Amino acid sequence: MVSGTNLHLQLFDLQGRVVQEIADLGFFPAGENQLEIDLDDRLGGLYYFALLLC
């Protein structure tokens, strides 16, 4: 049996608005994983991410 989950990543501003749908990342296996995201086009400021396990 394969263990893991599908992941989806969203970027929010401090008012809770979705600024960018980063990616529907697909299936990630259980264990340690890495993800690199290029946010050079974002304006300076504070943001937070939501990592959704589907």
N, C-alpha and C. Protein backbone atom coordinates (compact mmCIF):
# COMPACT_ATOMS: atom_id res chain seq x y z
N MET A 1 0.84 -1.18 0.00
CA MET A 1 0.00 0.00 0.00
C MET A 1 0.89 1.25 0.00
N VAL A 2 0.59 2.20 -0.88
CA VAL A 2 1.34 3.45 -0.97
C VAL A 2 0.72 4.45 0.00
N SER A 3 1.57 5.08 0.81
CA SER A 3 1.09 6.05 1.78
C SER A 3 1.51 7.45 1.34
N GLY A 4 0.58 8.39 1.39
CA GLY A 4 0.85 9.76 1.00
C GLY A 4 -0.44 10.52 0.85
N THR A 5 -0.37 11.69 0.22
CA THR A 5 -1.57 12.51 0.05
C THR A 5 -1.40 13.46 -1.12
N ASN A 6 -2.50 14.00 -1.62
CA ASN A 6 -2.48 15.05 -2.62
C ASN A 6 -2.40 16.39 -1.92
N LEU A 7 -1.59 17.30 -2.46
CA LEU A 7 -1.37 18.60 -1.83
C LEU A 7 -1.78 19.74 -2.76
N HIS A 8 -2.28 20.81 -2.16
CA HIS A 8 -2.65 22.03 -2.88
C HIS A 8 -2.15 23.20 -2.04
N LEU A 9 -1.51 24.18 -2.68
CA LEU A 9 -0.89 25.29 -1.96
C LEU A 9 -1.49 26.62 -2.41
N GLN A 10 -1.91 27.46 -1.44
CA GLN A 10 -2.47 28.78 -1.72
C GLN A 10 -1.70 29.83 -0.94
N LEU A 11 -1.61 31.04 -1.50
CA LEU A 11 -0.97 32.18 -0.86
C LEU A 11 -2.04 33.21 -0.51
N PHE A 12 -2.05 33.67 0.75
CA PHE A 12 -3.04 34.63 1.24
C PHE A 12 -2.36 35.90 1.72
N ASP A 13 -3.10 37.04 1.62
CA ASP A 13 -2.61 38.26 2.25
C ASP A 13 -3.11 38.30 3.69
N LEU A 14 -2.76 39.32 4.43
CA LEU A 14 -3.13 39.37 5.84
C LEU A 14 -4.61 39.61 6.08
N GLN A 15 -5.36 40.02 5.05
CA GLN A 15 -6.81 40.17 5.18
C GLN A 15 -7.53 38.86 4.88
N GLY A 16 -6.78 37.81 4.56
CA GLY A 16 -7.38 36.51 4.31
C GLY A 16 -7.81 36.28 2.87
N ARG A 17 -7.45 37.19 1.98
CA ARG A 17 -7.80 37.03 0.57
C ARG A 17 -6.77 36.14 -0.14
N VAL A 18 -7.27 35.27 -1.01
CA VAL A 18 -6.36 34.43 -1.79
C VAL A 18 -5.66 35.33 -2.80
N VAL A 19 -4.34 35.40 -2.71
CA VAL A 19 -3.53 36.21 -3.61
C VAL A 19 -3.12 35.39 -4.83
N GLN A 20 -2.82 34.13 -4.59
CA GLN A 20 -2.37 33.28 -5.69
C GLN A 20 -2.63 31.81 -5.34
N GLU A 21 -3.14 31.09 -6.33
CA GLU A 21 -3.21 29.64 -6.23
C GLU A 21 -1.85 29.15 -6.70
N ILE A 22 -0.99 28.78 -5.78
CA ILE A 22 0.38 28.42 -6.13
C ILE A 22 0.40 27.18 -7.00
N ALA A 23 -0.22 26.12 -6.54
CA ALA A 23 -0.13 24.89 -7.31
C ALA A 23 -1.07 23.84 -6.76
N ASP A 24 -1.56 23.03 -7.68
CA ASP A 24 -2.16 21.76 -7.29
C ASP A 24 -1.00 20.78 -7.43
N LEU A 25 -0.39 20.45 -6.33
CA LEU A 25 0.90 19.77 -6.34
C LEU A 25 0.82 18.29 -6.64
N GLY A 26 -0.38 17.75 -6.63
CA GLY A 26 -0.52 16.33 -6.91
C GLY A 26 -0.12 15.48 -5.72
N PHE A 27 0.23 14.25 -6.00
CA PHE A 27 0.51 13.27 -4.95
C PHE A 27 1.92 13.41 -4.42
N PHE A 28 2.05 13.45 -3.10
CA PHE A 28 3.34 13.44 -2.43
C PHE A 28 3.38 12.19 -1.54
N PRO A 29 4.43 11.41 -1.64
CA PRO A 29 4.53 10.22 -0.79
C PRO A 29 4.77 10.61 0.67
N ALA A 30 4.46 9.71 1.55
CA ALA A 30 4.74 9.92 2.97
C ALA A 30 6.24 10.08 3.17
N GLY A 31 6.63 10.86 4.17
CA GLY A 31 8.04 11.07 4.46
C GLY A 31 8.44 12.51 4.19
N GLU A 32 9.72 12.75 4.12
CA GLU A 32 10.25 14.10 3.91
C GLU A 32 10.22 14.46 2.43
N ASN A 33 9.68 15.65 2.13
CA ASN A 33 9.60 16.15 0.76
C ASN A 33 10.03 17.61 0.75
N GLN A 34 10.46 18.10 -0.41
CA GLN A 34 10.84 19.50 -0.56
C GLN A 34 10.10 20.09 -1.74
N LEU A 35 9.84 21.39 -1.64
CA LEU A 35 9.15 22.11 -2.70
C LEU A 35 9.79 23.48 -2.82
N GLU A 36 10.14 23.87 -4.03
CA GLU A 36 10.72 25.20 -4.27
C GLU A 36 9.72 26.03 -5.06
N ILE A 37 9.46 27.24 -4.56
CA ILE A 37 8.47 28.13 -5.17
C ILE A 37 9.13 29.46 -5.47
N ASP A 38 8.95 29.94 -6.69
CA ASP A 38 9.49 31.24 -7.09
C ASP A 38 8.42 32.31 -6.87
N LEU A 39 8.66 33.21 -5.92
CA LEU A 39 7.71 34.28 -5.61
C LEU A 39 8.29 35.65 -5.94
N ASP A 40 9.22 35.71 -6.88
CA ASP A 40 9.87 36.97 -7.24
C ASP A 40 8.88 38.01 -7.75
N ASP A 41 7.76 37.58 -8.31
CA ASP A 41 6.78 38.53 -8.86
C ASP A 41 5.84 39.10 -7.81
N ARG A 42 5.94 38.68 -6.57
CA ARG A 42 5.10 39.17 -5.47
C ARG A 42 5.64 40.49 -4.95
N LEU A 43 4.74 41.39 -4.57
CA LEU A 43 5.13 42.63 -3.91
C LEU A 43 5.63 42.32 -2.50
N GLY A 44 6.46 43.19 -1.97
CA GLY A 44 6.94 43.02 -0.61
C GLY A 44 5.79 43.07 0.37
N GLY A 45 5.91 42.40 1.46
CA GLY A 45 4.86 42.40 2.47
C GLY A 45 4.80 41.07 3.17
N LEU A 46 3.77 40.91 3.98
CA LEU A 46 3.58 39.67 4.72
C LEU A 46 2.47 38.86 4.07
N TYR A 47 2.73 37.59 3.91
CA TYR A 47 1.76 36.66 3.33
C TYR A 47 1.80 35.39 4.17
N TYR A 48 0.77 34.59 4.03
CA TYR A 48 0.83 33.28 4.64
C TYR A 48 0.32 32.25 3.64
N PHE A 49 0.76 31.02 3.84
CA PHE A 49 0.41 29.91 2.95
C PHE A 49 -0.59 29.00 3.61
N ALA A 50 -1.40 28.38 2.79
CA ALA A 50 -2.26 27.29 3.25
C ALA A 50 -1.88 26.06 2.43
N LEU A 51 -1.49 25.04 3.12
CA LEU A 51 -1.16 23.78 2.49
C LEU A 51 -2.31 22.83 2.77
N LEU A 52 -3.08 22.51 1.73
CA LEU A 52 -4.27 21.69 1.89
C LEU A 52 -3.96 20.25 1.56
N LEU A 53 -4.31 19.37 2.46
CA LEU A 53 -4.15 17.93 2.25
C LEU A 53 -5.48 17.40 1.75
N CYS A 54 -5.49 16.89 0.54
CA CYS A 54 -6.75 16.44 -0.07
C CYS A 54 -6.85 14.93 -0.10
